[in-house]
Amino acid sequence: MIYCVVPRELEAELYDKLVEYYTDNPNVTVIVDRREGDDRRHGRGYGGDREIRDRRRARLPGTFPTTEVPE
């Protein structure tokens, strides 16, 4: 699905033309952007205090004996 988003300011002149243009293409839907207010994402940090963790099991404590490669 493809959305052709028309800004509200241009709805009067573009919406009907675009709907007619894409009538034969069922994969395209023409919509009008009706969002209002400020963009809440602006100036905000994302994700909060994320912690990156390694999900693998921790290695066993201690040392391992050396191994000799057979000739």
PDB file of N, CA and C in Angstrom:
ATOM      1  N   MET A   1       0.848  -1.176   0.000  1.00  0.00           N
ATOM      2  CA  MET A   1       0.000   0.000   0.000  1.00  0.00           C
ATOM      3  C   MET A   1       0.888   1.232   0.000  1.00  0.00           C
ATOM      4  N   ILE A   2       0.584   2.162  -0.853  1.00  0.00           N
ATOM      5  CA  ILE A   2       1.299   3.434  -0.943  1.00  0.00           C
ATOM      6  C   ILE A   2       0.316   4.539  -0.592  1.00  0.00           C
ATOM      7  N   TYR A   3       0.738   5.421   0.325  1.00  0.00           N
ATOM      8  CA  TYR A   3      -0.098   6.552   0.705  1.00  0.00           C
ATOM      9  C   TYR A   3       0.465   7.817   0.087  1.00  0.00           C
ATOM     10  N   CYS A   4      -0.372   8.522  -0.630  1.00  0.00           N
ATOM     11  CA  CYS A   4      -0.019   9.824  -1.176  1.00  0.00           C
ATOM     12  C   CYS A   4      -0.618  10.853  -0.219  1.00  0.00           C
ATOM     13  N   VAL A   5       0.233  11.509   0.564  1.00  0.00           N
ATOM     14  CA  VAL A   5      -0.230  12.422   1.609  1.00  0.00           C
ATOM     15  C   VAL A   5      -0.245  13.847   1.077  1.00  0.00           C
ATOM     16  N   VAL A   6      -1.413  14.471   1.171  1.00  0.00           N
ATOM     17  CA  VAL A   6      -1.602  15.835   0.698  1.00  0.00           C
ATOM     18  C   VAL A   6      -1.645  16.759   1.919  1.00  0.00           C
ATOM     19  N   PRO A   7      -0.816  17.796   1.948  1.00  0.00           N
ATOM     20  CA  PRO A   7      -0.876  18.751   3.066  1.00  0.00           C
ATOM     21  C   PRO A   7      -2.237  19.449   3.091  1.00  0.00           C
ATOM     22  N   ARG A   8      -2.699  19.770   4.281  1.00  0.00           N
ATOM     23  CA  ARG A   8      -4.012  20.392   4.439  1.00  0.00           C
ATOM     24  C   ARG A   8      -4.128  21.687   3.644  1.00  0.00           C
ATOM     25  N   GLU A   9      -3.030  22.444   3.572  1.00  0.00           N
ATOM     26  CA  GLU A   9      -3.060  23.729   2.855  1.00  0.00           C
ATOM     27  C   GLU A   9      -3.310  23.553   1.354  1.00  0.00           C
ATOM     28  N   LEU A  10      -2.952  22.391   0.793  1.00  0.00           N
ATOM     29  CA  LEU A  10      -3.111  22.161  -0.643  1.00  0.00           C
ATOM     30  C   LEU A  10      -4.280  21.229  -0.972  1.00  0.00           C
ATOM     31  N   GLU A  11      -5.071  20.902   0.020  1.00  0.00           N
ATOM     32  CA  GLU A  11      -6.174  19.956  -0.184  1.00  0.00           C
ATOM     33  C   GLU A  11      -7.139  20.416  -1.275  1.00  0.00           C
ATOM     34  N   ALA A  12      -7.512  21.676  -1.270  1.00  0.00           N
ATOM     35  CA  ALA A  12      -8.512  22.187  -2.216  1.00  0.00           C
ATOM     36  C   ALA A  12      -8.065  22.038  -3.669  1.00  0.00           C
ATOM     37  N   GLU A  13      -6.771  22.228  -3.919  1.00  0.00           N
ATOM     38  CA  GLU A  13      -6.326  22.189  -5.315  1.00  0.00           C
ATOM     39  C   GLU A  13      -5.754  20.847  -5.750  1.00  0.00           C
ATOM     40  N   LEU A  14      -5.296  20.012  -4.820  1.00  0.00           N
ATOM     41  CA  LEU A  14      -4.632  18.774  -5.222  1.00  0.00           C
ATOM     42  C   LEU A  14      -5.408  17.485  -4.966  1.00  0.00           C
ATOM     43  N   TYR A  15      -6.204  17.441  -3.905  1.00  0.00           N
ATOM     44  CA  TYR A  15      -6.807  16.172  -3.494  1.00  0.00           C
ATOM     45  C   TYR A  15      -7.617  15.516  -4.611  1.00  0.00           C
ATOM     46  N   ASP A  16      -8.555  16.226  -5.186  1.00  0.00           N
ATOM     47  CA  ASP A  16      -9.403  15.642  -6.231  1.00  0.00           C
ATOM     48  C   ASP A  16      -8.598  15.220  -7.462  1.00  0.00           C
ATOM     49  N   LYS A  17      -7.588  16.021  -7.822  1.00  0.00           N
ATOM     50  CA  LYS A  17      -6.760  15.678  -8.978  1.00  0.00           C
ATOM     51  C   LYS A  17      -5.970  14.387  -8.731  1.00  0.00           C
ATOM     52  N   LEU A  18      -5.425  14.243  -7.530  1.00  0.00           N
ATOM     53  CA  LEU A  18      -4.642  13.051  -7.220  1.00  0.00           C
ATOM     54  C   LEU A  18      -5.519  11.804  -7.106  1.00  0.00           C
ATOM     55  N   VAL A  19      -6.705  11.947  -6.547  1.00  0.00           N
ATOM     56  CA  VAL A  19      -7.621  10.800  -6.464  1.00  0.00           C
ATOM     57  C   VAL A  19      -7.972  10.324  -7.868  1.00  0.00           C
ATOM     58  N   GLU A  20      -8.242  11.256  -8.756  1.00  0.00           N
ATOM     59  CA  GLU A  20      -8.562  10.894 -10.142  1.00  0.00           C
ATOM     60  C   GLU A  20      -7.356  10.252 -10.834  1.00  0.00           C
ATOM     61  N   TYR A  21      -6.166  10.799 -10.596  1.00  0.00           N
ATOM     62  CA  TYR A  21      -4.958  10.293 -11.232  1.00  0.00           C
ATOM     63  C   TYR A  21      -4.657   8.849 -10.804  1.00  0.00           C
ATOM     64  N   TYR A  22      -4.864   8.537  -9.534  1.00  0.00           N
ATOM     65  CA  TYR A  22      -4.549   7.209  -9.013  1.00  0.00           C
ATOM     66  C   TYR A  22      -5.752   6.264  -8.960  1.00  0.00           C
ATOM     67  N   THR A  23      -6.829   6.597  -9.631  1.00  0.00           N
ATOM     68  CA  THR A  23      -8.027   5.747  -9.621  1.00  0.00           C
ATOM     69  C   THR A  23      -7.742   4.342 -10.124  1.00  0.00           C
ATOM     70  N   ASP A  24      -6.918   4.207 -11.146  1.00  0.00           N
ATOM     71  CA  ASP A  24      -6.643   2.899 -11.737  1.00  0.00           C
ATOM     72  C   ASP A  24      -5.588   2.102 -10.978  1.00  0.00           C
ATOM     73  N   ASN A  25      -4.954   2.682  -9.987  1.00  0.00           N
ATOM     74  CA  ASN A  25      -3.919   1.993  -9.230  1.00  0.00           C
ATOM     75  C   ASN A  25      -4.455   1.646  -7.834  1.00  0.00           C
ATOM     76  N   PRO A  26      -4.790   0.365  -7.592  1.00  0.00           N
ATOM     77  CA  PRO A  26      -5.371  -0.008  -6.293  1.00  0.00           C
ATOM     78  C   PRO A  26      -4.361   0.020  -5.151  1.00  0.00           C
ATOM     79  N   ASN A  27      -3.071   0.158  -5.469  1.00  0.00           N
ATOM     80  CA  ASN A  27      -2.048   0.177  -4.424  1.00  0.00           C
ATOM     81  C   ASN A  27      -1.808   1.560  -3.838  1.00  0.00           C
ATOM     82  N   VAL A  28      -2.449   2.585  -4.396  1.00  0.00           N
ATOM     83  CA  VAL A  28      -2.226   3.958  -3.937  1.00  0.00           C
ATOM     84  C   VAL A  28      -3.503   4.497  -3.308  1.00  0.00           C
ATOM     85  N   THR A  29      -3.350   5.067  -2.109  1.00  0.00           N
ATOM     86  CA  THR A  29      -4.452   5.724  -1.422  1.00  0.00           C
ATOM     87  C   THR A  29      -4.056   7.161  -1.160  1.00  0.00           C
ATOM     88  N   VAL A  30      -4.917   8.087  -1.544  1.00  0.00           N
ATOM     89  CA  VAL A  30      -4.641   9.511  -1.332  1.00  0.00           C
ATOM     90  C   VAL A  30      -5.306   9.929  -0.031  1.00  0.00           C
ATOM     91  N   ILE A  31      -4.520  10.531   0.872  1.00  0.00           N
ATOM     92  CA  ILE A  31      -5.053  10.978   2.159  1.00  0.00           C
ATOM     93  C   ILE A  31      -4.621  12.410   2.413  1.00  0.00           C
ATOM     94  N   VAL A  32      -5.373  13.084   3.296  1.00  0.00           N
ATOM     95  CA  VAL A  32      -5.063  14.461   3.671  1.00  0.00           C
ATOM     96  C   VAL A  32      -4.466  14.440   5.071  1.00  0.00           C
ATOM     97  N   ASP A  33      -3.350  15.137   5.254  1.00  0.00           N
ATOM     98  CA  ASP A  33      -2.703  15.228   6.554  1.00  0.00           C
ATOM     99  C   ASP A  33      -3.519  16.151   7.446  1.00  0.00           C
ATOM    100  N   ARG A  34      -4.123  15.587   8.482  1.00  0.00           N
ATOM    101  CA  ARG A  34      -4.980  16.379   9.357  1.00  0.00           C
ATOM    102  C   ARG A  34      -4.399  16.546  10.762  1.00  0.00           C
ATOM    103  N   ARG A  35      -3.103  16.288  10.911  1.00  0.00           N
ATOM    104  CA  ARG A  35      -2.490  16.437  12.238  1.00  0.00           C
ATOM    105  C   ARG A  35      -2.485  17.895  12.657  1.00  0.00           C
ATOM    106  N   GLU A  36      -2.639  18.112  13.955  1.00  0.00           N
ATOM    107  CA  GLU A  36      -2.640  19.458  14.506  1.00  0.00           C
ATOM    108  C   GLU A  36      -1.663  19.535  15.664  1.00  0.00           C
ATOM    109  N   GLY A  37      -1.279  20.738  16.006  1.00  0.00           N
ATOM    110  CA  GLY A  37      -0.430  20.941  17.174  1.00  0.00           C
ATOM    111  C   GLY A  37       1.038  20.795  16.848  1.00  0.00           C
ATOM    112  N   ASP A  38       1.827  20.939  17.893  1.00  0.00           N
ATOM    113  CA  ASP A  38       3.272  20.865  17.750  1.00  0.00           C
ATOM    114  C   ASP A  38       3.725  19.431  17.569  1.00  0.00           C
ATOM    115  N   ASP A  39       4.892  19.290  16.946  1.00  0.00           N
ATOM    116  CA  ASP A  39       5.522  17.985  16.812  1.00  0.00           C
ATOM    117  C   ASP A  39       6.117  17.637  18.169  1.00  0.00           C
ATOM    118  N   ARG A  40       5.561  16.639  18.829  1.00  0.00           N
ATOM    119  CA  ARG A  40       5.993  16.300  20.183  1.00  0.00           C
ATOM    120  C   ARG A  40       7.368  15.656  20.216  1.00  0.00           C
ATOM    121  N   ARG A  41       7.870  15.203  19.080  1.00  0.00           N
ATOM    122  CA  ARG A  41       9.178  14.570  19.046  1.00  0.00           C
ATOM    123  C   ARG A  41      10.302  15.590  19.134  1.00  0.00           C
ATOM    124  N   HIS A  42      10.046  16.814  18.766  1.00  0.00           N
ATOM    125  CA  HIS A  42      11.093  17.832  18.661  1.00  0.00           C
ATOM    126  C   HIS A  42      11.722  18.128  20.031  1.00  0.00           C
ATOM    127  N   GLY A  43      13.051  18.061  20.078  1.00  0.00           N
ATOM    128  CA  GLY A  43      13.766  18.439  21.278  1.00  0.00           C
ATOM    129  C   GLY A  43      13.707  17.445  22.408  1.00  0.00           C
ATOM    130  N   ARG A  44      13.337  16.246  22.136  1.00  0.00           N
ATOM    131  CA  ARG A  44      13.186  15.252  23.183  1.00  0.00           C
ATOM    132  C   ARG A  44      14.183  14.131  22.966  1.00  0.00           C
ATOM    133  N   GLY A  45      14.718  13.615  24.034  1.00  0.00           N
ATOM    134  CA  GLY A  45      15.619  12.476  23.918  1.00  0.00           C
ATOM    135  C   GLY A  45      14.829  11.201  23.723  1.00  0.00           C
ATOM    136  N   TYR A  46      15.349  10.314  22.924  1.00  0.00           N
ATOM    137  CA  TYR A  46      14.631   9.080  22.635  1.00  0.00           C
ATOM    138  C   TYR A  46      15.147   7.939  23.484  1.00  0.00           C
ATOM    139  N   GLY A  47      14.292   7.018  23.781  1.00  0.00           N
ATOM    140  CA  GLY A  47      14.692   5.761  24.392  1.00  0.00           C
ATOM    141  C   GLY A  47      14.914   5.787  25.882  1.00  0.00           C
ATOM    142  N   GLY A  48      14.980   6.931  26.491  1.00  0.00           N
ATOM    143  CA  GLY A  48      15.198   6.974  27.926  1.00  0.00           C
ATOM    144  C   GLY A  48      16.556   6.410  28.305  1.00  0.00           C
ATOM    145  N   ASP A  49      16.620   5.748  29.437  1.00  0.00           N
ATOM    146  CA  ASP A  49      17.869   5.152  29.918  1.00  0.00           C
ATOM    147  C   ASP A  49      17.932   3.703  29.495  1.00  0.00           C
ATOM    148  N   ARG A  50      18.292   3.478  28.264  1.00  0.00           N
ATOM    149  CA  ARG A  50      18.378   2.104  27.764  1.00  0.00           C
ATOM    150  C   ARG A  50      19.662   1.462  28.243  1.00  0.00           C
ATOM    151  N   GLU A  51      19.556   0.197  28.531  1.00  0.00           N
ATOM    152  CA  GLU A  51      20.715  -0.552  28.979  1.00  0.00           C
ATOM    153  C   GLU A  51      20.997  -1.642  27.959  1.00  0.00           C
ATOM    154  N   ILE A  52      22.199  -1.665  27.458  1.00  0.00           N
ATOM    155  CA  ILE A  52      22.571  -2.688  26.487  1.00  0.00           C
ATOM    156  C   ILE A  52      23.107  -3.876  27.266  1.00  0.00           C
ATOM    157  N   ARG A  53      22.493  -5.015  27.077  1.00  0.00           N
ATOM    158  CA  ARG A  53      22.890  -6.206  27.811  1.00  0.00           C
ATOM    159  C   ARG A  53      23.297  -7.285  26.844  1.00  0.00           C
ATOM    160  N   ASP A  54      24.239  -8.089  27.299  1.00  0.00           N
ATOM    161  CA  ASP A  54      24.659  -9.235  26.524  1.00  0.00           C
ATOM    162  C   ASP A  54      23.857 -10.428  27.029  1.00  0.00           C
ATOM    163  N   ARG A  55      23.072 -11.033  26.176  1.00  0.00           N
ATOM    164  CA  ARG A  55      22.185 -12.106  26.609  1.00  0.00           C
ATOM    165  C   ARG A  55      22.857 -13.469  26.640  1.00  0.00           C
ATOM    166  N   ARG A  56      24.076 -13.526  26.179  1.00  0.00           N
ATOM    167  CA  ARG A  56      24.773 -14.810  26.223  1.00  0.00           C
ATOM    168  C   ARG A  56      25.147 -15.142  27.656  1.00  0.00           C
ATOM    169  N   ARG A  57      25.332 -16.416  27.912  1.00  0.00           N
ATOM    170  CA  ARG A  57      25.736 -16.818  29.255  1.00  0.00           C
ATOM    171  C   ARG A  57      27.136 -16.301  29.558  1.00  0.00           C
ATOM    172  N   ALA A  58      27.335 -15.965  30.815  1.00  0.00           N
ATOM    173  CA  ALA A  58      28.653 -15.497  31.220  1.00  0.00           C
ATOM    174  C   ALA A  58      29.631 -16.667  31.205  1.00  0.00           C
ATOM    175  N   ARG A  59      30.866 -16.384  30.878  1.00  0.00           N
ATOM    176  CA  ARG A  59      31.894 -17.412  30.856  1.00  0.00           C
ATOM    177  C   ARG A  59      32.163 -17.899  32.268  1.00  0.00           C
ATOM    178  N   LEU A  60      32.482 -19.166  32.406  1.00  0.00           N
ATOM    179  CA  LEU A  60      32.777 -19.718  33.722  1.00  0.00           C
ATOM    180  C   LEU A  60      33.996 -19.017  34.300  1.00  0.00           C
ATOM    181  N   PRO A  61      33.970 -18.741  35.580  1.00  0.00           N
ATOM    182  CA  PRO A  61      35.117 -18.077  36.185  1.00  0.00           C
ATOM    183  C   PRO A  61      36.310 -19.031  36.284  1.00  0.00           C
ATOM    184  N   GLY A  62      37.496 -18.484  36.319  1.00  0.00           N
ATOM    185  CA  GLY A  62      38.693 -19.295  36.456  1.00  0.00           C
ATOM    186  C   GLY A  62      39.461 -19.365  35.149  1.00  0.00           C
ATOM    187  N   THR A  63      40.481 -20.200  35.138  1.00  0.00           N
ATOM    188  CA  THR A  63      41.315 -20.352  33.946  1.00  0.00           C
ATOM    189  C   THR A  63      41.153 -21.757  33.399  1.00  0.00           C
ATOM    190  N   PHE A  64      41.465 -21.934  32.165  1.00  0.00           N
ATOM    191  CA  PHE A  64      41.372 -23.221  31.519  1.00  0.00           C
ATOM    192  C   PHE A  64      42.780 -23.728  31.215  1.00  0.00           C
ATOM    193  N   PRO A  65      42.989 -25.055  31.266  1.00  0.00           N
ATOM    194  CA  PRO A  65      44.323 -25.570  30.957  1.00  0.00           C
ATOM    195  C   PRO A  65      44.643 -25.360  29.488  1.00  0.00           C
ATOM    196  N   THR A  66      45.901 -25.219  29.179  1.00  0.00           N
ATOM    197  CA  THR A  66      46.300 -25.049  27.792  1.00  0.00           C
ATOM    198  C   THR A  66      46.154 -26.379  27.069  1.00  0.00           C
ATOM    199  N   THR A  67      45.901 -26.294  25.799  1.00  0.00           N
ATOM    200  CA  THR A  67      45.761 -27.515  24.997  1.00  0.00           C
ATOM    201  C   THR A  67      46.856 -27.547  23.956  1.00  0.00           C
ATOM    202  N   GLU A  68      47.348 -28.723  23.697  1.00  0.00           N
ATOM    203  CA  GLU A  68      48.371 -28.905  22.691  1.00  0.00           C
ATOM    204  C   GLU A  68      47.722 -29.417  21.419  1.00  0.00           C
ATOM    205  N   VAL A  69      48.128 -28.882  20.307  1.00  0.00           N
ATOM    206  CA  VAL A  69      47.617 -29.316  19.019  1.00  0.00           C
ATOM    207  C   VAL A  69      48.428 -30.523  18.567  1.00  0.00           C
ATOM    208  N   PRO A  70      47.756 -31.687  18.272  1.00  0.00           N
ATOM    209  CA  PRO A  70      48.527 -32.858  17.840  1.00  0.00           C
ATOM    210  C   PRO A  70      49.197 -32.621  16.491  1.00  0.00           C
ATOM    211  N   GLU A  71      50.338 -33.197  16.310  1.00  0.00           N
ATOM    212  CA  GLU A  71      51.087 -33.015  15.053  1.00  0.00           C
ATOM    213  C   GLU A  71      50.622 -33.938  13.980  1.00  0.00           C
TER     214      GLU A  71
END
